[in-house]
Amino acid sequence: MEIEELRLEAARVFGACAAALKEAGAIEEGGLIVLGCSTSEVAGARIGHGSVPEFGGILASAMLDACGANGLHAAFQCCEHLNRAIVMEKTDLLTRGLTRVHAIPQPKAGGSVPAAAWKLFREPVLALNVQADAAIDVGDTLVGMHIRPVAVPLRPQYPSLGAARVVMAYSRFPLIGGQRAVYE
């Protein structure tokens, strides 16, 4: 895949995903979307077996732009080598009262997209985990572990990015109380 082609496709896919998640999930201004993204899968290789660091910056930048355009904040899931920790702005970590851990993601230890996001944030930090308002998963990264319960799948307008599958979900509040409960 050509770099410019990826840049355009990523802007289109992440823009549509962020807007759809915001609307379907009624995500308020400042809400958090976490991205799990395999550059290996985007390039057509098996996850973890063909990382493309050059793609990382393009994908992280497109996600940040898409979230910013929708009044949302972006976070990025690392791979299992960093225990799927989350790269985010320090202010987001502090606002949400999350546990900070120490590492600096690298393309081969954390992933190309989180490593690039680290360089794009003003004050990047690594959170142990998060319960985000929504998530986008590019390339079967199992990002669902970082969505606040109850996760609601949402079909994307664009079901692929490069050679990778795109899936996403937003969270809704749990409905409790049974038949006699009133929700509205």
N, C-alpha and C. Protein backbone atom coordinates (compact mmCIF):
# COMPACT_ATOMS: atom_id res chain seq x y z
N MET A 1 0.84 -1.17 0.00
CA MET A 1 0.00 0.00 0.00
C MET A 1 0.89 1.24 0.00
N GLU A 2 0.57 2.18 -0.85
CA GLU A 2 1.31 3.43 -0.93
C GLU A 2 1.00 4.31 0.27
N ILE A 3 1.99 5.10 0.69
CA ILE A 3 1.85 5.96 1.86
C ILE A 3 0.70 6.96 1.70
N GLU A 4 0.63 7.63 0.57
CA GLU A 4 -0.43 8.63 0.37
C GLU A 4 -1.80 7.98 0.33
N GLU A 5 -1.88 6.81 -0.26
CA GLU A 5 -3.13 6.06 -0.30
C GLU A 5 -3.57 5.71 1.12
N LEU A 6 -2.63 5.26 1.95
CA LEU A 6 -2.94 4.93 3.33
C LEU A 6 -3.38 6.18 4.10
N ARG A 7 -2.72 7.28 3.88
CA ARG A 7 -3.07 8.53 4.56
C ARG A 7 -4.53 8.91 4.29
N LEU A 8 -4.94 8.83 3.04
CA LEU A 8 -6.31 9.17 2.66
C LEU A 8 -7.32 8.17 3.22
N GLU A 9 -6.98 6.88 3.11
CA GLU A 9 -7.88 5.84 3.59
C GLU A 9 -8.03 5.92 5.12
N ALA A 10 -6.94 6.13 5.83
CA ALA A 10 -6.99 6.22 7.29
C ALA A 10 -7.83 7.42 7.73
N ALA A 11 -7.67 8.55 7.06
CA ALA A 11 -8.49 9.73 7.41
C ALA A 11 -9.96 9.44 7.19
N ARG A 12 -10.29 8.78 6.09
CA ARG A 12 -11.68 8.46 5.78
C ARG A 12 -12.25 7.45 6.79
N VAL A 13 -11.51 6.38 7.05
CA VAL A 13 -12.00 5.32 7.95
C VAL A 13 -12.13 5.84 9.38
N PHE A 14 -11.08 6.46 9.92
CA PHE A 14 -11.14 6.92 11.31
C PHE A 14 -12.13 8.08 11.47
N GLY A 15 -12.24 8.93 10.46
CA GLY A 15 -13.22 10.01 10.52
C GLY A 15 -14.63 9.46 10.61
N ALA A 16 -14.94 8.48 9.77
CA ALA A 16 -16.27 7.88 9.79
C ALA A 16 -16.52 7.11 11.08
N CYS A 17 -15.51 6.39 11.57
CA CYS A 17 -15.67 5.62 12.81
C CYS A 17 -15.91 6.54 14.00
N ALA A 18 -15.10 7.57 14.14
CA ALA A 18 -15.24 8.48 15.29
C ALA A 18 -16.61 9.15 15.28
N ALA A 19 -17.05 9.60 14.12
CA ALA A 19 -18.36 10.26 14.03
C ALA A 19 -19.49 9.29 14.35
N ALA A 20 -19.41 8.07 13.82
CA ALA A 20 -20.47 7.07 14.05
C ALA A 20 -20.51 6.65 15.52
N LEU A 21 -19.35 6.46 16.13
CA LEU A 21 -19.31 6.08 17.54
C LEU A 21 -19.86 7.19 18.43
N LYS A 22 -19.48 8.42 18.13
CA LYS A 22 -19.97 9.55 18.91
C LYS A 22 -21.49 9.63 18.86
N GLU A 23 -22.05 9.48 17.68
CA GLU A 23 -23.50 9.57 17.53
C GLU A 23 -24.21 8.37 18.14
N ALA A 24 -23.81 7.16 17.78
CA ALA A 24 -24.51 5.97 18.25
C ALA A 24 -24.38 5.80 19.76
N GLY A 25 -23.22 6.13 20.30
CA GLY A 25 -23.00 5.97 21.73
C GLY A 25 -23.32 7.20 22.54
N ALA A 26 -23.80 8.25 21.89
CA ALA A 26 -24.08 9.53 22.57
C ALA A 26 -22.89 9.94 23.45
N ILE A 27 -21.71 9.84 22.87
CA ILE A 27 -20.49 10.15 23.61
C ILE A 27 -20.36 11.66 23.73
N GLU A 28 -20.19 12.11 24.95
CA GLU A 28 -20.10 13.53 25.22
C GLU A 28 -18.73 14.09 24.84
N GLU A 29 -18.68 15.41 24.70
CA GLU A 29 -17.44 16.12 24.43
C GLU A 29 -16.37 15.67 25.43
N GLY A 30 -15.19 15.36 24.94
CA GLY A 30 -14.10 14.92 25.81
C GLY A 30 -14.09 13.43 26.06
N GLY A 31 -15.04 12.70 25.48
CA GLY A 31 -15.08 11.25 25.63
C GLY A 31 -13.82 10.62 25.05
N LEU A 32 -13.57 9.38 25.43
CA LEU A 32 -12.32 8.71 25.06
C LEU A 32 -12.59 7.52 24.15
N ILE A 33 -11.88 7.50 23.02
CA ILE A 33 -11.91 6.34 22.12
C ILE A 33 -10.51 5.75 22.10
N VAL A 34 -10.43 4.45 22.31
CA VAL A 34 -9.14 3.77 22.28
C VAL A 34 -9.02 3.00 20.96
N LEU A 35 -7.84 3.08 20.36
CA LEU A 35 -7.55 2.40 19.09
C LEU A 35 -6.56 1.28 19.33
N GLY A 36 -6.93 0.11 18.88
CA GLY A 36 -5.99 -1.01 18.78
C GLY A 36 -5.74 -1.20 17.30
N CYS A 37 -4.48 -1.20 16.88
CA CYS A 37 -4.21 -1.22 15.44
C CYS A 37 -2.92 -1.96 15.13
N SER A 38 -3.00 -2.93 14.26
CA SER A 38 -1.84 -3.70 13.81
C SER A 38 -1.40 -3.23 12.43
N THR A 39 -0.22 -2.62 12.36
CA THR A 39 0.30 -2.23 11.04
C THR A 39 0.62 -3.47 10.21
N SER A 40 0.94 -4.58 10.87
CA SER A 40 1.19 -5.83 10.15
C SER A 40 -0.06 -6.21 9.36
N GLU A 41 -1.21 -6.19 10.03
CA GLU A 41 -2.47 -6.56 9.38
C GLU A 41 -2.85 -5.56 8.30
N VAL A 42 -2.64 -4.28 8.56
CA VAL A 42 -2.95 -3.26 7.55
C VAL A 42 -2.14 -3.54 6.28
N ALA A 43 -0.89 -3.96 6.45
CA ALA A 43 0.00 -4.24 5.32
C ALA A 43 -0.25 -5.60 4.68
N GLY A 44 -1.11 -6.43 5.30
CA GLY A 44 -1.42 -7.73 4.72
C GLY A 44 -0.66 -8.88 5.33
N ALA A 45 0.10 -8.64 6.39
CA ALA A 45 0.82 -9.71 7.08
C ALA A 45 0.01 -10.15 8.31
N ARG A 46 0.47 -11.20 8.95
CA ARG A 46 -0.17 -11.68 10.17
C ARG A 46 0.22 -10.78 11.34
N ILE A 47 -0.72 -10.51 12.21
CA ILE A 47 -0.48 -9.64 13.35
C ILE A 47 0.81 -10.03 14.08
N GLY A 48 1.65 -9.03 14.32
CA GLY A 48 2.91 -9.25 15.01
C GLY A 48 4.04 -9.80 14.15
N HIS A 49 3.78 -9.97 12.86
CA HIS A 49 4.79 -10.57 11.97
C HIS A 49 5.01 -9.76 10.70
N GLY A 50 5.12 -8.47 10.83
CA GLY A 50 5.33 -7.65 9.64
C GLY A 50 5.07 -6.19 9.94
N SER A 51 5.44 -5.76 11.13
CA SER A 51 5.22 -4.38 11.54
C SER A 51 5.78 -3.39 10.52
N VAL A 52 5.06 -2.32 10.30
CA VAL A 52 5.48 -1.29 9.35
C VAL A 52 5.52 0.04 10.11
N PRO A 53 6.67 0.37 10.71
CA PRO A 53 6.76 1.60 11.51
C PRO A 53 6.34 2.85 10.75
N GLU A 54 6.58 2.90 9.45
CA GLU A 54 6.19 4.07 8.65
C GLU A 54 4.68 4.27 8.66
N PHE A 55 3.93 3.19 8.78
CA PHE A 55 2.47 3.30 8.84
C PHE A 55 2.01 3.84 10.19
N GLY A 56 2.78 3.61 11.24
CA GLY A 56 2.38 3.99 12.59
C GLY A 56 2.03 5.46 12.72
N GLY A 57 2.89 6.32 12.21
CA GLY A 57 2.66 7.76 12.30
C GLY A 57 1.44 8.20 11.52
N ILE A 58 1.24 7.61 10.37
CA ILE A 58 0.09 7.96 9.54
C ILE A 58 -1.21 7.58 10.25
N LEU A 59 -1.24 6.38 10.80
CA LEU A 59 -2.45 5.89 11.46
C LEU A 59 -2.72 6.62 12.76
N ALA A 60 -1.68 6.85 13.57
CA ALA A 60 -1.87 7.58 14.83
C ALA A 60 -2.34 9.01 14.56
N SER A 61 -1.73 9.65 13.59
CA SER A 61 -2.10 11.03 13.25
C SER A 61 -3.55 11.10 12.76
N ALA A 62 -3.95 10.16 11.92
CA ALA A 62 -5.32 10.14 11.40
C ALA A 62 -6.32 9.94 12.53
N MET A 63 -6.00 9.09 13.48
CA MET A 63 -6.89 8.84 14.62
C MET A 63 -7.00 10.09 15.49
N LEU A 64 -5.88 10.73 15.77
CA LEU A 64 -5.90 11.96 16.56
C LEU A 64 -6.73 13.04 15.87
N ASP A 65 -6.55 13.18 14.57
CA ASP A 65 -7.32 14.18 13.81
C ASP A 65 -8.82 13.87 13.84
N ALA A 66 -9.18 12.60 13.66
CA ALA A 66 -10.59 12.21 13.63
C ALA A 66 -11.24 12.45 14.99
N CYS A 67 -10.55 12.10 16.05
CA CYS A 67 -11.11 12.32 17.39
C CYS A 67 -11.22 13.81 17.67
N GLY A 68 -10.17 14.57 17.35
CA GLY A 68 -10.19 16.01 17.57
C GLY A 68 -11.32 16.69 16.83
N ALA A 69 -11.59 16.28 15.61
CA ALA A 69 -12.65 16.87 14.81
C ALA A 69 -14.04 16.59 15.40
N ASN A 70 -14.12 15.56 16.24
CA ASN A 70 -15.39 15.19 16.86
C ASN A 70 -15.46 15.54 18.34
N GLY A 71 -14.47 16.31 18.82
CA GLY A 71 -14.47 16.70 20.23
C GLY A 71 -14.15 15.57 21.18
N LEU A 72 -13.48 14.56 20.68
CA LEU A 72 -13.15 13.38 21.49
C LEU A 72 -11.65 13.29 21.72
N HIS A 73 -11.26 12.45 22.65
CA HIS A 73 -9.84 12.20 22.92
C HIS A 73 -9.49 10.80 22.45
N ALA A 74 -8.26 10.64 21.99
CA ALA A 74 -7.79 9.35 21.50
C ALA A 74 -6.78 8.75 22.47
N ALA A 75 -6.79 7.42 22.54
CA ALA A 75 -5.80 6.65 23.28
C ALA A 75 -5.45 5.45 22.41
N PHE A 76 -4.28 4.86 22.68
CA PHE A 76 -3.77 3.82 21.79
C PHE A 76 -3.32 2.61 22.59
N GLN A 77 -3.86 1.44 22.25
CA GLN A 77 -3.50 0.20 22.93
C GLN A 77 -2.18 -0.34 22.41
N CYS A 78 -1.28 -0.65 23.33
CA CYS A 78 -0.03 -1.32 22.97
C CYS A 78 -0.28 -2.81 22.78
N CYS A 79 0.69 -3.49 22.23
CA CYS A 79 0.58 -4.94 22.05
C CYS A 79 0.88 -5.66 23.36
N GLU A 80 0.83 -6.97 23.32
CA GLU A 80 0.98 -7.76 24.54
C GLU A 80 2.37 -7.64 25.16
N HIS A 81 3.37 -7.19 24.40
CA HIS A 81 4.72 -7.02 24.96
C HIS A 81 4.75 -5.94 26.04
N LEU A 82 3.78 -5.03 26.00
CA LEU A 82 3.62 -4.04 27.07
C LEU A 82 2.29 -4.25 27.79
N ASN A 83 1.85 -5.51 27.80
CA ASN A 83 0.62 -5.89 28.52
C ASN A 83 -0.61 -5.11 28.10
N ARG A 84 -0.64 -4.71 26.85
CA ARG A 84 -1.78 -3.96 26.28
C ARG A 84 -2.06 -2.66 27.03
N ALA A 85 -1.01 -2.07 27.57
CA ALA A 85 -1.13 -0.77 28.23
C ALA A 85 -1.59 0.27 27.21
N ILE A 86 -2.00 1.44 27.71
CA ILE A 86 -2.62 2.46 26.87
C ILE A 86 -1.77 3.72 26.83
N VAL A 87 -1.43 4.18 25.63
CA VAL A 87 -0.74 5.46 25.44
C VAL A 87 -1.80 6.55 25.38
N MET A 88 -1.62 7.59 26.20
CA MET A 88 -2.59 8.68 26.22
C MET A 88 -1.93 9.94 26.73
N GLU A 89 -2.64 11.05 26.64
CA GLU A 89 -2.16 12.30 27.21
C GLU A 89 -2.19 12.21 28.73
N LYS A 90 -1.22 12.81 29.36
CA LYS A 90 -1.15 12.81 30.82
C LYS A 90 -2.41 13.39 31.45
N THR A 91 -2.94 14.44 30.85
CA THR A 91 -4.16 15.06 31.41
C THR A 91 -5.33 14.07 31.39
N ASP A 92 -5.44 13.24 30.36
CA ASP A 92 -6.51 12.24 30.31
C ASP A 92 -6.32 11.20 31.41
N LEU A 93 -5.10 10.78 31.65
CA LEU A 93 -4.81 9.82 32.70
C LEU A 93 -5.19 10.39 34.06
N LEU A 94 -4.78 11.63 34.31
CA LEU A 94 -5.06 12.25 35.60
C LEU A 94 -6.55 12.50 35.79
N THR A 95 -7.22 12.99 34.76
CA THR A 95 -8.66 13.26 34.84
C THR A 95 -9.45 12.01 35.15
N ARG A 96 -9.02 10.89 34.60
CA ARG A 96 -9.75 9.63 34.77
C ARG A 96 -9.27 8.82 35.97
N GLY A 97 -8.24 9.31 36.67
CA GLY A 97 -7.74 8.61 37.85
C GLY A 97 -7.15 7.24 37.55
N LEU A 98 -6.44 7.14 36.43
CA LEU A 98 -5.90 5.85 36.01
C LEU A 98 -4.53 5.58 36.61
N THR A 99 -4.12 4.33 36.59
CA THR A 99 -2.82 3.92 37.09
C THR A 99 -1.78 4.06 35.99
N ARG A 100 -0.76 4.85 36.30
CA ARG A 100 0.32 5.06 35.34
C ARG A 100 1.37 3.96 35.50
N VAL A 101 1.87 3.49 34.38
CA VAL A 101 2.98 2.54 34.36
C VAL A 101 4.11 3.14 33.54
N HIS A 102 5.28 2.55 33.65
CA HIS A 102 6.43 3.17 33.01
C HIS A 102 7.02 2.27 31.92
N ALA A 103 7.00 2.79 30.73
CA ALA A 103 7.66 2.20 29.55
C ALA A 103 7.46 3.20 28.43
N ILE A 104 8.26 3.10 27.42
CA ILE A 104 8.11 3.91 26.22
C ILE A 104 7.93 2.94 25.06
N PRO A 105 6.75 2.93 24.45
CA PRO A 105 6.49 1.98 23.37
C PRO A 105 7.46 2.15 22.20
N GLN A 106 7.83 1.02 21.65
CA GLN A 106 8.69 0.94 20.47
C GLN A 106 7.95 0.10 19.42
N PRO A 107 8.29 0.24 18.16
CA PRO A 107 7.58 -0.55 17.14
C PRO A 107 7.55 -2.05 17.42
N LYS A 108 8.62 -2.61 17.95
CA LYS A 108 8.66 -4.05 18.21
C LYS A 108 8.35 -4.40 19.66
N ALA A 109 8.02 -3.40 20.47
CA ALA A 109 7.65 -3.64 21.87
C ALA A 109 6.62 -2.60 22.27
N GLY A 110 5.42 -2.84 21.85
CA GLY A 110 4.33 -1.91 22.09
C GLY A 110 3.52 -1.70 20.82
N GLY A 111 4.21 -1.61 19.70
CA GLY A 111 3.54 -1.48 18.42
C GLY A 111 3.86 -0.18 17.71
N SER A 112 3.81 -0.20 16.40
CA SER A 112 4.17 0.96 15.59
C SER A 112 3.22 2.14 15.79
N VAL A 113 1.93 1.87 15.95
CA VAL A 113 0.96 2.97 16.13
C VAL A 113 1.11 3.61 17.52
N PRO A 114 1.14 2.83 18.61
CA PRO A 114 1.36 3.46 19.91
C PRO A 114 2.71 4.17 20.02
N ALA A 115 3.75 3.61 19.40
CA ALA A 115 5.07 4.26 19.42
C ALA A 115 5.00 5.61 18.71
N ALA A 116 4.27 5.67 17.62
CA ALA A 116 4.12 6.94 16.90
C ALA A 116 3.25 7.91 17.70
N ALA A 117 2.18 7.41 18.31
CA ALA A 117 1.30 8.27 19.11
C ALA A 117 2.09 8.88 20.27
N TRP A 118 2.99 8.11 20.86
CA TRP A 118 3.83 8.61 21.96
C TRP A 118 4.54 9.88 21.53
N LYS A 119 5.03 9.90 20.31
CA LYS A 119 5.77 11.06 19.79
C LYS A 119 4.85 12.22 19.42
N LEU A 120 3.58 11.93 19.17
CA LEU A 120 2.64 12.97 18.75
C LEU A 120 1.96 13.68 19.92
N PHE A 121 1.84 13.02 21.05
CA PHE A 121 1.21 13.63 22.21
C PHE A 121 2.13 14.69 22.83
N ARG A 122 1.52 15.69 23.49
CA ARG A 122 2.31 16.72 24.19
C ARG A 122 3.00 16.14 25.41
N GLU A 123 2.24 15.43 26.24
CA GLU A 123 2.77 14.79 27.45
C GLU A 123 2.30 13.34 27.49
N PRO A 124 2.95 12.47 26.74
CA PRO A 124 2.50 11.08 26.68
C PRO A 124 2.80 10.33 27.96
N VAL A 125 1.86 9.47 28.33
CA VAL A 125 2.04 8.56 29.46
C VAL A 125 1.44 7.22 29.07
N LEU A 126 1.76 6.24 29.87
CA LEU A 126 1.23 4.90 29.67
C LEU A 126 0.33 4.55 30.85
N ALA A 127 -0.91 4.21 30.56
CA ALA A 127 -1.86 3.78 31.58
C ALA A 127 -1.92 2.26 31.60
N LEU A 128 -2.06 1.70 32.78
CA LEU A 128 -2.16 0.26 32.92
C LEU A 128 -3.35 -0.28 32.14
N ASN A 129 -4.48 0.40 32.27
CA ASN A 129 -5.68 0.03 31.53
C ASN A 129 -6.64 1.21 31.57
N VAL A 130 -7.74 1.07 30.87
CA VAL A 130 -8.72 2.14 30.80
C VAL A 130 -10.09 1.52 30.51
N GLN A 131 -11.13 2.22 30.85
CA GLN A 131 -12.48 1.85 30.43
C GLN A 131 -13.00 3.00 29.58
N ALA A 132 -12.70 2.93 28.30
CA ALA A 132 -13.04 4.00 27.36
C ALA A 132 -14.51 3.97 26.99
N ASP A 133 -14.96 5.09 26.42
CA ASP A 133 -16.33 5.19 25.95
C ASP A 133 -16.58 4.37 24.70
N ALA A 134 -15.52 4.13 23.94
CA ALA A 134 -15.65 3.39 22.68
C ALA A 134 -14.27 2.91 22.26
N ALA A 135 -14.26 2.02 21.26
CA ALA A 135 -12.99 1.52 20.75
C ALA A 135 -13.11 1.18 19.28
N ILE A 136 -11.98 1.30 18.61
CA ILE A 136 -11.85 0.89 17.21
C ILE A 136 -10.73 -0.13 17.18
N ASP A 137 -10.98 -1.25 16.53
CA ASP A 137 -10.01 -2.34 16.44
C ASP A 137 -9.69 -2.57 14.96
N VAL A 138 -8.44 -2.34 14.62
CA VAL A 138 -7.98 -2.55 13.25
C VAL A 138 -7.00 -3.71 13.25
N GLY A 139 -7.42 -4.84 12.71
CA GLY A 139 -6.53 -5.99 12.60
C GLY A 139 -6.62 -6.97 13.75
N ASP A 140 -7.78 -7.08 14.37
CA ASP A 140 -8.01 -8.09 15.40
C ASP A 140 -7.05 -8.01 16.58
N THR A 141 -6.92 -6.82 17.15
CA THR A 141 -6.01 -6.59 18.27
C THR A 141 -6.64 -6.85 19.64
N LEU A 142 -7.91 -7.18 19.67
CA LEU A 142 -8.65 -7.46 20.90
C LEU A 142 -8.69 -6.27 21.85
N VAL A 143 -9.00 -5.11 21.29
CA VAL A 143 -9.06 -3.87 22.05
C VAL A 143 -10.28 -3.78 22.95
N GLY A 144 -11.20 -4.71 22.81
CA GLY A 144 -12.43 -4.68 23.59
C GLY A 144 -12.23 -4.70 25.09
N MET A 145 -11.08 -5.17 25.55
CA MET A 145 -10.81 -5.20 26.99
C MET A 145 -10.73 -3.81 27.59
N HIS A 146 -10.67 -2.78 26.74
CA HIS A 146 -10.55 -1.41 27.22
C HIS A 146 -11.81 -0.58 27.04
N ILE A 147 -12.94 -1.24 26.81
CA ILE A 147 -14.22 -0.54 26.69
C ILE A 147 -14.99 -0.71 27.99
N ARG A 148 -15.57 0.38 28.48
CA ARG A 148 -16.40 0.32 29.68
C ARG A 148 -17.61 -0.57 29.39
N PRO A 149 -17.99 -1.44 30.34
CA PRO A 149 -19.19 -2.25 30.12
C PRO A 149 -20.41 -1.33 30.05
N VAL A 150 -21.35 -1.61 29.24
CA VAL A 150 -21.63 -2.75 28.42
C VAL A 150 -21.25 -2.37 26.97
N ALA A 151 -20.42 -3.17 26.33
CA ALA A 151 -19.98 -2.87 24.97
C ALA A 151 -21.07 -3.23 23.96
N VAL A 152 -21.29 -2.32 23.02
CA VAL A 152 -22.30 -2.51 21.98
C VAL A 152 -21.59 -2.44 20.63
N PRO A 153 -21.54 -3.56 19.90
CA PRO A 153 -20.88 -3.54 18.58
C PRO A 153 -21.59 -2.59 17.63
N LEU A 154 -20.81 -1.96 16.78
CA LEU A 154 -21.35 -1.07 15.77
C LEU A 154 -20.62 -1.36 14.46
N ARG A 155 -21.36 -1.64 13.42
CA ARG A 155 -20.73 -1.95 12.13
C ARG A 155 -20.18 -0.67 11.51
N PRO A 156 -18.92 -0.71 11.10
CA PRO A 156 -18.34 0.49 10.49
C PRO A 156 -18.79 0.68 9.04
N GLN A 157 -18.81 1.92 8.64
CA GLN A 157 -19.12 2.24 7.25
C GLN A 157 -18.06 1.63 6.33
N TYR A 158 -16.81 1.65 6.79
CA TYR A 158 -15.69 1.09 6.03
C TYR A 158 -15.15 -0.09 6.84
N PRO A 159 -15.44 -1.33 6.43
CA PRO A 159 -15.07 -2.49 7.23
C PRO A 159 -13.61 -2.94 7.13
N SER A 160 -12.80 -2.18 6.40
CA SER A 160 -11.38 -2.55 6.32
C SER A 160 -10.54 -1.29 6.18
N LEU A 161 -9.28 -1.46 6.55
CA LEU A 161 -8.26 -0.42 6.39
C LEU A 161 -7.04 -1.15 5.88
N GLY A 162 -6.65 -0.87 4.65
CA GLY A 162 -5.63 -1.70 4.02
C GLY A 162 -6.18 -3.11 3.95
N ALA A 163 -5.38 -4.09 4.41
CA ALA A 163 -5.82 -5.48 4.40
C ALA A 163 -6.44 -5.91 5.73
N ALA A 164 -6.57 -4.99 6.68
CA ALA A 164 -7.04 -5.32 8.02
C ALA A 164 -8.55 -5.09 8.17
N ARG A 165 -9.17 -5.97 8.97
CA ARG A 165 -10.57 -5.78 9.33
C ARG A 165 -10.70 -4.66 10.34
N VAL A 166 -11.80 -3.91 10.24
CA VAL A 166 -12.11 -2.85 11.21
C VAL A 166 -13.40 -3.23 11.92
N VAL A 167 -13.35 -3.27 13.24
CA VAL A 167 -14.54 -3.46 14.05
C VAL A 167 -14.54 -2.38 15.12
N MET A 168 -15.71 -2.09 15.66
CA MET A 168 -15.76 -1.05 16.68
C MET A 168 -16.96 -1.28 17.59
N ALA A 169 -16.91 -0.61 18.73
CA ALA A 169 -18.00 -0.71 19.70
C ALA A 169 -18.00 0.53 20.57
N TYR A 170 -19.16 0.85 21.10
CA TYR A 170 -19.29 1.91 22.09
C TYR A 170 -19.87 1.28 23.35
N SER A 171 -19.85 2.01 24.44
CA SER A 171 -20.41 1.45 25.67
C SER A 171 -21.71 2.15 26.01
N ARG A 172 -22.56 1.41 26.65
CA ARG A 172 -23.80 1.98 27.18
C ARG A 172 -23.82 1.65 28.66
N PHE A 173 -24.62 2.40 29.40
CA PHE A 173 -24.75 2.12 30.82
C PHE A 173 -25.49 0.80 31.00
N PRO A 174 -25.09 0.01 31.98
CA PRO A 174 -25.83 -1.23 32.25
C PRO A 174 -27.26 -0.92 32.67
N LEU A 175 -28.21 -1.68 32.16
CA LEU A 175 -29.60 -1.54 32.55
C LEU A 175 -29.83 -2.52 33.68
N ILE A 176 -30.22 -2.03 34.83
CA ILE A 176 -30.41 -2.90 35.98
C ILE A 176 -31.82 -2.74 36.52
N GLY A 177 -32.30 -3.70 37.26
CA GLY A 177 -33.57 -3.55 37.95
C GLY A 177 -34.70 -4.41 37.46
N GLY A 178 -34.58 -5.03 36.30
CA GLY A 178 -35.63 -5.92 35.84
C GLY A 178 -36.87 -5.22 35.33
N GLN A 179 -38.00 -5.93 35.34
CA GLN A 179 -39.25 -5.47 34.73
C GLN A 179 -39.79 -4.17 35.33
N ARG A 180 -39.59 -3.96 36.61
CA ARG A 180 -40.18 -2.78 37.28
C ARG A 180 -39.31 -1.55 37.18
N ALA A 181 -38.12 -1.67 36.65
CA ALA A 181 -37.21 -0.53 36.56
C ALA A 181 -37.71 0.48 35.52
N VAL A 182 -37.44 1.73 35.77
CA VAL A 182 -37.79 2.81 34.84
C VAL A 182 -36.49 3.45 34.40
N TYR A 183 -36.31 3.60 33.10
CA TYR A 183 -35.05 4.11 32.57
C TYR A 183 -35.16 5.51 31.97
N GLU A 184 -36.34 5.96 31.64
CA GLU A 184 -36.50 7.26 31.00
C GLU A 184 -37.26 8.19 31.91
